[in-house]
Amino acid sequence: MSSTLRFRGASRKTGLWVGLCGLLVYVLFALQGKMGLAMAGSVSVAVLLVVGYGAWNFRHLRAFWYVMVVLAVAHLALVVLVPWGDEHMPGFVLVPIGILDFALSLFCAHSVLKRYAG
């Protein structure tokens, strides 16, 4: 059981869905004039969706759902509690933060799920 479980890669279709969900979150906050919150929220949603999709083969493990809930709560706290401001954030500021967020989320999910998968 445990030796055959692997993280799966994303396809163009997955990228399209992740982009559309992130865009939806962005538009919801941007219409309220909260551009910083829109950028942070859309990046957080994209990271959660990509990590969840990559680890979807582990969905039968209870640890997968615990990891996803902990990551979602951590991202929600990060988006809500950090003062992002109302101005538009340039990409060169947000991309390194998004990459670091993705790397940490994937590392956490990978280490926990590989441990509980066997």
N, C-alpha and C. Protein backbone atom coordinates (compact mmCIF):
# COMPACT_ATOMS: atom_id res chain seq x y z
N MET A 1 0.81 -1.18 0.00
CA MET A 1 0.00 0.00 0.00
C MET A 1 0.86 1.25 0.00
N SER A 2 1.78 1.38 0.91
CA SER A 2 2.48 2.64 1.10
C SER A 2 3.56 2.89 0.05
N SER A 3 4.15 1.86 -0.49
CA SER A 3 5.25 2.09 -1.42
C SER A 3 4.76 2.56 -2.80
N THR A 4 3.50 2.35 -3.13
CA THR A 4 3.00 2.77 -4.43
C THR A 4 2.36 4.15 -4.42
N LEU A 5 2.09 4.70 -3.24
CA LEU A 5 1.49 6.02 -3.18
C LEU A 5 2.53 7.09 -3.49
N ARG A 6 2.18 7.99 -4.40
CA ARG A 6 3.09 9.06 -4.80
C ARG A 6 2.30 10.34 -4.97
N PHE A 7 3.01 11.44 -4.84
CA PHE A 7 2.41 12.73 -5.17
C PHE A 7 2.28 12.80 -6.68
N ARG A 8 1.18 13.33 -7.15
CA ARG A 8 0.98 13.39 -8.59
C ARG A 8 1.21 14.80 -9.11
N GLY A 9 1.58 14.86 -10.37
CA GLY A 9 1.86 16.15 -10.99
C GLY A 9 0.60 16.78 -11.55
N ALA A 10 0.69 18.06 -11.80
CA ALA A 10 -0.46 18.81 -12.30
C ALA A 10 -0.44 18.87 -13.82
N SER A 11 -1.60 18.98 -14.40
CA SER A 11 -1.73 19.11 -15.85
C SER A 11 -2.19 20.53 -16.19
N ARG A 12 -2.36 20.81 -17.45
CA ARG A 12 -2.86 22.12 -17.87
C ARG A 12 -4.28 22.35 -17.38
N LYS A 13 -5.08 21.30 -17.41
CA LYS A 13 -6.46 21.40 -16.94
C LYS A 13 -6.50 21.75 -15.46
N THR A 14 -5.63 21.13 -14.68
CA THR A 14 -5.54 21.45 -13.25
C THR A 14 -5.11 22.89 -13.05
N GLY A 15 -4.11 23.31 -13.81
CA GLY A 15 -3.65 24.69 -13.72
C GLY A 15 -4.74 25.69 -14.07
N LEU A 16 -5.56 25.34 -15.04
CA LEU A 16 -6.68 26.21 -15.42
C LEU A 16 -7.68 26.33 -14.28
N TRP A 17 -8.02 25.21 -13.64
CA TRP A 17 -8.97 25.25 -12.53
C TRP A 17 -8.41 26.01 -11.34
N VAL A 18 -7.13 25.80 -11.04
CA VAL A 18 -6.49 26.52 -9.93
C VAL A 18 -6.49 28.02 -10.24
N GLY A 19 -6.16 28.37 -11.47
CA GLY A 19 -6.16 29.78 -11.87
C GLY A 19 -7.54 30.41 -11.78
N LEU A 20 -8.56 29.68 -12.20
CA LEU A 20 -9.92 30.21 -12.12
C LEU A 20 -10.39 30.40 -10.68
N CYS A 21 -10.06 29.46 -9.81
CA CYS A 21 -10.43 29.60 -8.40
C CYS A 21 -9.69 30.76 -7.76
N GLY A 22 -8.40 30.89 -8.07
CA GLY A 22 -7.64 32.02 -7.55
C GLY A 22 -8.17 33.34 -8.08
N LEU A 23 -8.57 33.36 -9.35
CA LEU A 23 -9.13 34.57 -9.95
C LEU A 23 -10.46 34.95 -9.29
N LEU A 24 -11.26 33.96 -8.96
CA LEU A 24 -12.53 34.22 -8.29
C LEU A 24 -12.30 34.89 -6.94
N VAL A 25 -11.37 34.37 -6.17
CA VAL A 25 -11.05 34.98 -4.87
C VAL A 25 -10.50 36.38 -5.07
N TYR A 26 -9.65 36.55 -6.08
CA TYR A 26 -9.08 37.87 -6.37
C TYR A 26 -10.18 38.88 -6.69
N VAL A 27 -11.09 38.49 -7.56
CA VAL A 27 -12.17 39.39 -7.97
C VAL A 27 -13.08 39.74 -6.79
N LEU A 28 -13.38 38.76 -5.95
CA LEU A 28 -14.26 39.02 -4.80
C LEU A 28 -13.67 40.09 -3.87
N PHE A 29 -12.36 40.03 -3.61
CA PHE A 29 -11.74 41.02 -2.75
C PHE A 29 -11.44 42.32 -3.50
N ALA A 30 -11.10 42.23 -4.76
CA ALA A 30 -10.75 43.43 -5.53
C ALA A 30 -11.98 44.32 -5.72
N LEU A 31 -13.15 43.73 -5.85
CA LEU A 31 -14.36 44.53 -5.99
C LEU A 31 -14.66 45.34 -4.72
N GLN A 32 -14.12 44.91 -3.60
CA GLN A 32 -14.29 45.64 -2.35
C GLN A 32 -13.17 46.66 -2.15
N GLY A 33 -12.22 46.71 -3.08
CA GLY A 33 -11.12 47.67 -2.99
C GLY A 33 -9.96 47.20 -2.12
N LYS A 34 -9.91 45.93 -1.80
CA LYS A 34 -8.84 45.38 -0.96
C LYS A 34 -7.86 44.60 -1.83
N MET A 35 -7.01 45.34 -2.52
CA MET A 35 -6.12 44.72 -3.51
C MET A 35 -5.06 43.83 -2.87
N GLY A 36 -4.48 44.25 -1.75
CA GLY A 36 -3.48 43.43 -1.08
C GLY A 36 -4.07 42.13 -0.58
N LEU A 37 -5.24 42.22 -0.01
CA LEU A 37 -5.93 41.03 0.48
C LEU A 37 -6.34 40.12 -0.69
N ALA A 38 -6.69 40.72 -1.80
CA ALA A 38 -7.05 39.95 -3.00
C ALA A 38 -5.86 39.14 -3.50
N MET A 39 -4.69 39.77 -3.55
CA MET A 39 -3.50 39.06 -4.02
C MET A 39 -3.11 37.94 -3.05
N ALA A 40 -3.08 38.24 -1.75
CA ALA A 40 -2.71 37.24 -0.76
C ALA A 40 -3.71 36.08 -0.72
N GLY A 41 -4.98 36.40 -0.80
CA GLY A 41 -6.01 35.36 -0.79
C GLY A 41 -5.96 34.47 -2.01
N SER A 42 -5.74 35.06 -3.18
CA SER A 42 -5.69 34.25 -4.40
C SER A 42 -4.46 33.35 -4.42
N VAL A 43 -3.33 33.85 -3.93
CA VAL A 43 -2.13 33.01 -3.87
C VAL A 43 -2.33 31.88 -2.86
N SER A 44 -2.96 32.17 -1.73
CA SER A 44 -3.21 31.14 -0.72
C SER A 44 -4.14 30.05 -1.26
N VAL A 45 -5.18 30.45 -1.96
CA VAL A 45 -6.10 29.47 -2.54
C VAL A 45 -5.38 28.61 -3.58
N ALA A 46 -4.56 29.23 -4.40
CA ALA A 46 -3.82 28.49 -5.42
C ALA A 46 -2.87 27.49 -4.78
N VAL A 47 -2.16 27.90 -3.74
CA VAL A 47 -1.23 27.00 -3.05
C VAL A 47 -1.98 25.82 -2.45
N LEU A 48 -3.08 26.09 -1.77
CA LEU A 48 -3.85 25.00 -1.16
C LEU A 48 -4.38 24.02 -2.20
N LEU A 49 -4.86 24.54 -3.32
CA LEU A 49 -5.39 23.65 -4.36
C LEU A 49 -4.30 22.80 -5.00
N VAL A 50 -3.15 23.39 -5.25
CA VAL A 50 -2.07 22.63 -5.88
C VAL A 50 -1.52 21.57 -4.92
N VAL A 51 -1.34 21.92 -3.66
CA VAL A 51 -0.86 20.93 -2.69
C VAL A 51 -1.90 19.83 -2.50
N GLY A 52 -3.17 20.20 -2.40
CA GLY A 52 -4.23 19.20 -2.27
C GLY A 52 -4.32 18.29 -3.47
N TYR A 53 -4.18 18.86 -4.67
CA TYR A 53 -4.21 18.04 -5.88
C TYR A 53 -3.01 17.10 -5.94
N GLY A 54 -1.85 17.62 -5.59
CA GLY A 54 -0.66 16.79 -5.62
C GLY A 54 -0.71 15.63 -4.64
N ALA A 55 -1.34 15.84 -3.50
CA ALA A 55 -1.43 14.81 -2.46
C ALA A 55 -2.74 14.04 -2.52
N TRP A 56 -3.52 14.20 -3.56
CA TRP A 56 -4.85 13.59 -3.63
C TRP A 56 -4.80 12.07 -3.56
N ASN A 57 -3.70 11.46 -3.96
CA ASN A 57 -3.58 10.00 -3.86
C ASN A 57 -3.59 9.52 -2.42
N PHE A 58 -3.35 10.42 -1.46
CA PHE A 58 -3.34 10.09 -0.05
C PHE A 58 -4.68 10.37 0.63
N ARG A 59 -5.70 10.66 -0.14
CA ARG A 59 -6.98 11.11 0.42
C ARG A 59 -7.65 10.07 1.32
N HIS A 60 -7.31 8.81 1.17
CA HIS A 60 -7.91 7.79 2.03
C HIS A 60 -7.31 7.79 3.44
N LEU A 61 -6.20 8.50 3.62
CA LEU A 61 -5.59 8.60 4.94
C LEU A 61 -6.22 9.77 5.71
N ARG A 62 -6.47 9.54 6.96
CA ARG A 62 -6.99 10.61 7.80
C ARG A 62 -5.98 11.75 7.92
N ALA A 63 -4.71 11.43 7.84
CA ALA A 63 -3.66 12.45 7.95
C ALA A 63 -3.75 13.46 6.80
N PHE A 64 -4.17 13.03 5.62
CA PHE A 64 -4.32 13.96 4.49
C PHE A 64 -5.30 15.07 4.85
N TRP A 65 -6.43 14.71 5.41
CA TRP A 65 -7.46 15.69 5.74
C TRP A 65 -7.01 16.59 6.89
N TYR A 66 -6.28 16.02 7.86
CA TYR A 66 -5.73 16.84 8.93
C TYR A 66 -4.73 17.86 8.38
N VAL A 67 -3.86 17.41 7.49
CA VAL A 67 -2.87 18.31 6.90
C VAL A 67 -3.56 19.42 6.12
N MET A 68 -4.57 19.08 5.34
CA MET A 68 -5.25 20.10 4.54
C MET A 68 -6.00 21.10 5.43
N VAL A 69 -6.61 20.63 6.52
CA VAL A 69 -7.30 21.55 7.43
C VAL A 69 -6.29 22.47 8.12
N VAL A 70 -5.17 21.92 8.57
CA VAL A 70 -4.15 22.75 9.23
C VAL A 70 -3.59 23.78 8.26
N LEU A 71 -3.32 23.37 7.02
CA LEU A 71 -2.81 24.32 6.02
C LEU A 71 -3.85 25.39 5.70
N ALA A 72 -5.11 25.00 5.60
CA ALA A 72 -6.16 25.98 5.31
C ALA A 72 -6.32 26.98 6.45
N VAL A 73 -6.28 26.51 7.68
CA VAL A 73 -6.40 27.41 8.83
C VAL A 73 -5.18 28.34 8.90
N ALA A 74 -4.00 27.80 8.64
CA ALA A 74 -2.79 28.63 8.66
C ALA A 74 -2.85 29.70 7.58
N HIS A 75 -3.32 29.34 6.38
CA HIS A 75 -3.43 30.32 5.30
C HIS A 75 -4.51 31.36 5.60
N LEU A 76 -5.61 30.92 6.15
CA LEU A 76 -6.67 31.85 6.51
C LEU A 76 -6.18 32.85 7.55
N ALA A 77 -5.46 32.35 8.56
CA ALA A 77 -4.91 33.25 9.58
C ALA A 77 -3.91 34.21 8.96
N LEU A 78 -3.08 33.73 8.06
CA LEU A 78 -2.10 34.58 7.40
C LEU A 78 -2.77 35.68 6.58
N VAL A 79 -3.80 35.32 5.85
CA VAL A 79 -4.49 36.30 5.00
C VAL A 79 -5.27 37.31 5.85
N VAL A 80 -5.91 36.84 6.90
CA VAL A 80 -6.78 37.72 7.70
C VAL A 80 -5.98 38.58 8.68
N LEU A 81 -4.97 38.02 9.32
CA LEU A 81 -4.29 38.73 10.40
C LEU A 81 -3.16 39.65 9.95
N VAL A 82 -2.57 39.41 8.79
CA VAL A 82 -1.50 40.27 8.30
C VAL A 82 -2.10 41.49 7.62
N PRO A 83 -1.67 42.68 7.95
CA PRO A 83 -2.21 43.87 7.28
C PRO A 83 -1.60 44.01 5.88
N TRP A 84 -2.34 43.66 4.86
CA TRP A 84 -1.84 43.64 3.49
C TRP A 84 -1.93 44.99 2.81
N GLY A 85 -2.74 45.87 3.30
CA GLY A 85 -2.90 47.18 2.66
C GLY A 85 -3.92 47.11 1.53
N ASP A 86 -4.27 48.25 1.01
CA ASP A 86 -5.29 48.32 -0.03
C ASP A 86 -4.71 48.58 -1.41
N GLU A 87 -3.41 48.76 -1.51
CA GLU A 87 -2.81 49.02 -2.81
C GLU A 87 -2.44 47.72 -3.51
N HIS A 88 -2.25 47.82 -4.81
CA HIS A 88 -1.85 46.67 -5.61
C HIS A 88 -0.41 46.30 -5.28
N MET A 89 -0.16 45.01 -5.10
CA MET A 89 1.20 44.55 -4.80
C MET A 89 1.83 44.05 -6.09
N PRO A 90 3.04 44.51 -6.40
CA PRO A 90 3.69 44.06 -7.63
C PRO A 90 4.10 42.59 -7.56
N GLY A 91 4.25 41.99 -8.72
CA GLY A 91 4.56 40.58 -8.79
C GLY A 91 5.90 40.22 -8.18
N PHE A 92 6.89 41.10 -8.30
CA PHE A 92 8.21 40.76 -7.76
C PHE A 92 8.21 40.72 -6.24
N VAL A 93 7.18 41.27 -5.61
CA VAL A 93 7.04 41.16 -4.16
C VAL A 93 6.30 39.87 -3.81
N LEU A 94 5.27 39.56 -4.56
CA LEU A 94 4.39 38.44 -4.22
C LEU A 94 4.92 37.08 -4.68
N VAL A 95 5.66 37.04 -5.77
CA VAL A 95 6.14 35.75 -6.29
C VAL A 95 7.07 35.04 -5.30
N PRO A 96 8.08 35.70 -4.73
CA PRO A 96 8.91 34.98 -3.75
C PRO A 96 8.12 34.51 -2.53
N ILE A 97 7.17 35.30 -2.09
CA ILE A 97 6.33 34.90 -0.95
C ILE A 97 5.50 33.67 -1.33
N GLY A 98 4.94 33.68 -2.54
CA GLY A 98 4.15 32.54 -3.01
C GLY A 98 4.97 31.28 -3.17
N ILE A 99 6.18 31.42 -3.69
CA ILE A 99 7.06 30.25 -3.86
C ILE A 99 7.45 29.69 -2.51
N LEU A 100 7.80 30.55 -1.57
CA LEU A 100 8.15 30.09 -0.23
C LEU A 100 6.95 29.42 0.45
N ASP A 101 5.79 30.01 0.30
CA ASP A 101 4.56 29.44 0.86
C ASP A 101 4.28 28.06 0.26
N PHE A 102 4.41 27.96 -1.05
CA PHE A 102 4.18 26.67 -1.71
C PHE A 102 5.19 25.63 -1.26
N ALA A 103 6.46 26.01 -1.19
CA ALA A 103 7.50 25.06 -0.79
C ALA A 103 7.29 24.58 0.64
N LEU A 104 6.95 25.49 1.55
CA LEU A 104 6.71 25.08 2.94
C LEU A 104 5.47 24.20 3.07
N SER A 105 4.41 24.55 2.35
CA SER A 105 3.19 23.75 2.41
C SER A 105 3.41 22.36 1.84
N LEU A 106 4.09 22.29 0.71
CA LEU A 106 4.36 20.99 0.10
C LEU A 106 5.29 20.15 0.96
N PHE A 107 6.29 20.79 1.56
CA PHE A 107 7.20 20.06 2.44
C PHE A 107 6.45 19.49 3.64
N CYS A 108 5.59 20.29 4.25
CA CYS A 108 4.81 19.82 5.39
C CYS A 108 3.91 18.65 5.00
N ALA A 109 3.19 18.81 3.89
CA ALA A 109 2.30 17.75 3.44
C ALA A 109 3.08 16.49 3.09
N HIS A 110 4.19 16.65 2.40
CA HIS A 110 4.99 15.50 1.99
C HIS A 110 5.55 14.76 3.20
N SER A 111 6.11 15.49 4.16
CA SER A 111 6.72 14.82 5.30
C SER A 111 5.68 14.10 6.17
N VAL A 112 4.53 14.73 6.38
CA VAL A 112 3.50 14.10 7.20
C VAL A 112 2.89 12.90 6.48
N LEU A 113 2.56 13.07 5.22
CA LEU A 113 1.85 12.00 4.50
C LEU A 113 2.76 10.80 4.21
N LYS A 114 4.00 11.03 3.89
CA LYS A 114 4.90 9.89 3.68
C LYS A 114 5.11 9.11 4.96
N ARG A 115 5.09 9.83 6.08
CA ARG A 115 5.27 9.17 7.37
C ARG A 115 4.08 8.27 7.70
N TYR A 116 2.87 8.78 7.44
CA TYR A 116 1.67 8.01 7.77
C TYR A 116 1.29 7.00 6.70
N ALA A 117 1.83 7.16 5.49
CA ALA A 117 1.53 6.19 4.45
C ALA A 117 2.35 4.92 4.60
N GLY A 118 3.33 4.97 5.38
CA GLY A 118 4.08 3.74 5.59
C GLY A 118 5.49 3.99 5.84
